[in-house]
């Protein structure tokens, strides 16, 4: 039986989301100040890049039926 578009999306999105969450856990390991040295500026730069990419990626998921804002 062939996989539907929705089933394929759920399978791939779940797998890819779990991969991202695991990578964030690994990034969190860099917070150990006994092993690593960093500044607030370094941390701000890292999370700014992550947040920008998240915003960009979320924007790719559009729903054409939604009405656009108009004044």
N, C-alpha and C. Protein backbone atom coordinates (compact mmCIF):
# COMPACT_ATOMS: atom_id res chain seq x y z
N UNK A 1 0.84 -1.18 0.00
CA UNK A 1 0.00 0.00 0.00
C UNK A 1 0.89 1.25 0.00
N UNK A 2 0.54 2.20 -0.83
CA UNK A 2 1.34 3.41 -0.96
C UNK A 2 1.03 4.41 0.15
N UNK A 3 2.06 5.08 0.58
CA UNK A 3 1.96 6.08 1.64
C UNK A 3 1.30 7.36 1.08
N UNK A 4 0.37 7.92 1.85
CA UNK A 4 -0.26 9.17 1.42
C UNK A 4 0.70 10.34 1.69
N UNK A 5 0.38 11.50 1.12
CA UNK A 5 1.20 12.69 1.35
C UNK A 5 1.23 13.05 2.83
N UNK A 6 0.08 12.92 3.49
CA UNK A 6 -0.02 13.25 4.92
C UNK A 6 0.81 12.27 5.76
N UNK A 7 0.74 11.00 5.43
CA UNK A 7 1.53 9.99 6.16
C UNK A 7 3.02 10.23 5.97
N UNK A 8 3.42 10.52 4.72
CA UNK A 8 4.83 10.79 4.44
C UNK A 8 5.29 12.04 5.19
N UNK A 9 4.46 13.09 5.20
CA UNK A 9 4.80 14.31 5.93
C UNK A 9 5.00 14.01 7.41
N UNK A 10 4.04 13.30 8.02
CA UNK A 10 4.13 13.01 9.45
C UNK A 10 5.37 12.18 9.78
N UNK A 11 5.67 11.20 8.93
CA UNK A 11 6.84 10.36 9.17
C UNK A 11 8.13 11.18 9.08
N UNK A 12 8.27 11.93 7.99
CA UNK A 12 9.50 12.70 7.80
C UNK A 12 9.61 13.87 8.77
N UNK A 13 8.52 14.59 8.98
CA UNK A 13 8.55 15.73 9.90
C UNK A 13 8.87 15.28 11.32
N UNK A 14 8.31 14.16 11.75
CA UNK A 14 8.61 13.65 13.09
C UNK A 14 10.09 13.30 13.23
N UNK A 15 10.60 12.59 12.24
CA UNK A 15 12.00 12.18 12.27
C UNK A 15 12.93 13.39 12.26
N UNK A 16 12.65 14.34 11.39
CA UNK A 16 13.51 15.51 11.26
C UNK A 16 13.41 16.41 12.49
N UNK A 17 12.23 16.52 13.06
CA UNK A 17 12.06 17.32 14.27
C UNK A 17 12.84 16.69 15.42
N UNK A 18 12.75 15.37 15.56
CA UNK A 18 13.50 14.69 16.62
C UNK A 18 15.00 14.88 16.44
N UNK A 19 15.48 14.87 15.20
CA UNK A 19 16.90 15.10 14.93
C UNK A 19 17.32 16.49 15.39
N UNK A 20 16.49 17.49 15.07
CA UNK A 20 16.79 18.87 15.48
C UNK A 20 16.80 18.99 17.00
N UNK A 21 15.82 18.38 17.67
CA UNK A 21 15.75 18.44 19.13
C UNK A 21 16.97 17.80 19.77
N UNK A 22 17.44 16.68 19.21
CA UNK A 22 18.65 16.02 19.73
C UNK A 22 19.87 16.92 19.53
N UNK A 23 19.95 17.58 18.37
CA UNK A 23 21.08 18.47 18.10
C UNK A 23 21.07 19.67 19.06
N UNK A 24 19.88 20.15 19.41
CA UNK A 24 19.81 21.24 20.40
C UNK A 24 20.29 20.76 21.76
N UNK A 25 19.99 19.52 22.12
CA UNK A 25 20.51 18.96 23.37
C UNK A 25 22.04 18.92 23.33
N UNK A 26 22.60 18.53 22.19
CA UNK A 26 24.05 18.47 22.04
C UNK A 26 24.64 19.88 22.14
N UNK A 27 23.99 20.86 21.51
CA UNK A 27 24.44 22.24 21.63
C UNK A 27 24.41 22.68 23.09
N UNK A 28 23.39 22.28 23.81
CA UNK A 28 23.28 22.62 25.22
C UNK A 28 24.44 22.11 26.05
N UNK A 29 25.07 21.05 25.59
CA UNK A 29 26.24 20.53 26.30
C UNK A 29 27.39 21.54 26.31
N UNK A 30 27.40 22.45 25.35
CA UNK A 30 28.45 23.48 25.30
C UNK A 30 28.30 24.51 26.41
N UNK A 31 27.23 24.43 27.17
CA UNK A 31 27.01 25.40 28.25
C UNK A 31 27.87 25.12 29.48
N UNK A 32 28.54 24.00 29.51
CA UNK A 32 29.38 23.63 30.64
C UNK A 32 30.60 24.55 30.73
N UNK A 33 30.56 25.50 31.67
CA UNK A 33 31.63 26.50 31.77
C UNK A 33 32.94 25.92 32.30
N UNK A 34 32.90 24.71 32.83
CA UNK A 34 34.14 24.06 33.28
C UNK A 34 34.93 23.53 32.08
N UNK A 35 34.27 23.38 30.94
CA UNK A 35 34.91 22.83 29.75
C UNK A 35 35.05 23.89 28.64
N UNK A 36 34.09 24.80 28.56
CA UNK A 36 34.05 25.78 27.46
C UNK A 36 34.04 27.21 27.98
N UNK A 37 34.58 28.10 27.18
CA UNK A 37 34.56 29.52 27.50
C UNK A 37 33.76 30.26 26.43
N UNK A 38 32.86 31.14 26.86
CA UNK A 38 32.04 31.89 25.92
C UNK A 38 31.54 33.16 26.59
N UNK A 39 31.09 34.08 25.75
CA UNK A 39 30.55 35.34 26.26
C UNK A 39 29.05 35.41 25.97
N UNK A 40 28.42 36.39 26.59
CA UNK A 40 26.99 36.61 26.33
C UNK A 40 26.80 36.93 24.86
N UNK A 41 27.74 37.65 24.27
CA UNK A 41 27.67 38.00 22.85
C UNK A 41 27.69 36.73 21.98
N UNK A 42 28.53 35.76 22.34
CA UNK A 42 28.57 34.49 21.61
C UNK A 42 27.21 33.79 21.65
N UNK A 43 26.63 33.74 22.84
CA UNK A 43 25.35 33.05 23.03
C UNK A 43 24.24 33.77 22.28
N UNK A 44 24.23 35.11 22.36
CA UNK A 44 23.23 35.89 21.63
C UNK A 44 23.33 35.64 20.12
N UNK A 45 24.55 35.55 19.62
CA UNK A 45 24.76 35.32 18.19
C UNK A 45 24.25 33.93 17.78
N UNK A 46 24.52 32.93 18.59
CA UNK A 46 24.06 31.57 18.31
C UNK A 46 22.54 31.52 18.25
N UNK A 47 21.89 32.04 19.30
CA UNK A 47 20.43 31.93 19.37
C UNK A 47 19.72 32.87 18.41
N UNK A 48 20.37 33.95 18.05
CA UNK A 48 19.82 34.83 17.03
C UNK A 48 19.77 34.10 15.69
N UNK A 49 20.84 33.39 15.36
CA UNK A 49 20.89 32.63 14.11
C UNK A 49 19.84 31.51 14.10
N UNK A 50 19.70 30.83 15.23
CA UNK A 50 18.71 29.75 15.33
C UNK A 50 17.30 30.31 15.18
N UNK A 51 17.02 31.39 15.89
CA UNK A 51 15.67 31.99 15.83
C UNK A 51 15.35 32.51 14.43
N UNK A 52 16.34 33.10 13.75
CA UNK A 52 16.12 33.61 12.39
C UNK A 52 15.80 32.46 11.44
N UNK A 53 16.53 31.36 11.57
CA UNK A 53 16.29 30.21 10.70
C UNK A 53 14.93 29.59 11.00
N UNK A 54 14.54 29.55 12.27
CA UNK A 54 13.22 29.01 12.62
C UNK A 54 12.12 29.87 12.01
N UNK A 55 12.27 31.19 12.09
CA UNK A 55 11.27 32.09 11.54
C UNK A 55 11.18 31.92 10.02
N UNK A 56 12.32 31.82 9.37
CA UNK A 56 12.36 31.63 7.93
C UNK A 56 11.70 30.30 7.53
N UNK A 57 12.01 29.26 8.25
CA UNK A 57 11.46 27.94 7.94
C UNK A 57 9.96 27.91 8.19
N UNK A 58 9.53 28.48 9.29
CA UNK A 58 8.09 28.53 9.59
C UNK A 58 7.33 29.27 8.49
N UNK A 59 7.93 30.32 7.96
CA UNK A 59 7.31 31.10 6.90
C UNK A 59 7.09 30.30 5.62
N UNK A 60 7.85 29.25 5.43
CA UNK A 60 7.68 28.41 4.24
C UNK A 60 6.40 27.58 4.31
N UNK A 61 5.85 27.41 5.50
CA UNK A 61 4.61 26.66 5.68
C UNK A 61 3.46 27.66 5.61
N UNK A 62 2.92 27.83 4.43
CA UNK A 62 1.83 28.80 4.27
C UNK A 62 0.52 28.07 4.00
N UNK A 63 -0.55 28.75 4.29
CA UNK A 63 -1.87 28.21 4.07
C UNK A 63 -2.61 29.20 3.16
N UNK A 64 -2.68 28.90 1.88
CA UNK A 64 -3.24 29.83 0.90
C UNK A 64 -4.68 30.26 1.19
N UNK A 65 -5.45 29.47 1.92
CA UNK A 65 -6.85 29.81 2.20
C UNK A 65 -6.95 30.96 3.18
N UNK A 66 -5.89 31.17 3.97
CA UNK A 66 -5.95 32.23 4.97
C UNK A 66 -6.07 33.58 4.28
N UNK A 67 -6.94 34.40 4.83
CA UNK A 67 -7.14 35.72 4.27
C UNK A 67 -5.98 36.62 4.70
N UNK A 68 -5.45 37.38 3.76
CA UNK A 68 -4.38 38.31 4.06
C UNK A 68 -4.94 39.54 4.78
N UNK A 69 -4.13 40.15 5.59
CA UNK A 69 -4.53 41.36 6.34
C UNK A 69 -4.69 42.52 5.36
N UNK A 70 -5.77 43.26 5.51
CA UNK A 70 -6.02 44.47 4.72
C UNK A 70 -6.63 45.53 5.60
N UNK A 71 -6.32 46.75 5.33
CA UNK A 71 -6.94 47.87 6.02
C UNK A 71 -8.10 48.40 5.22
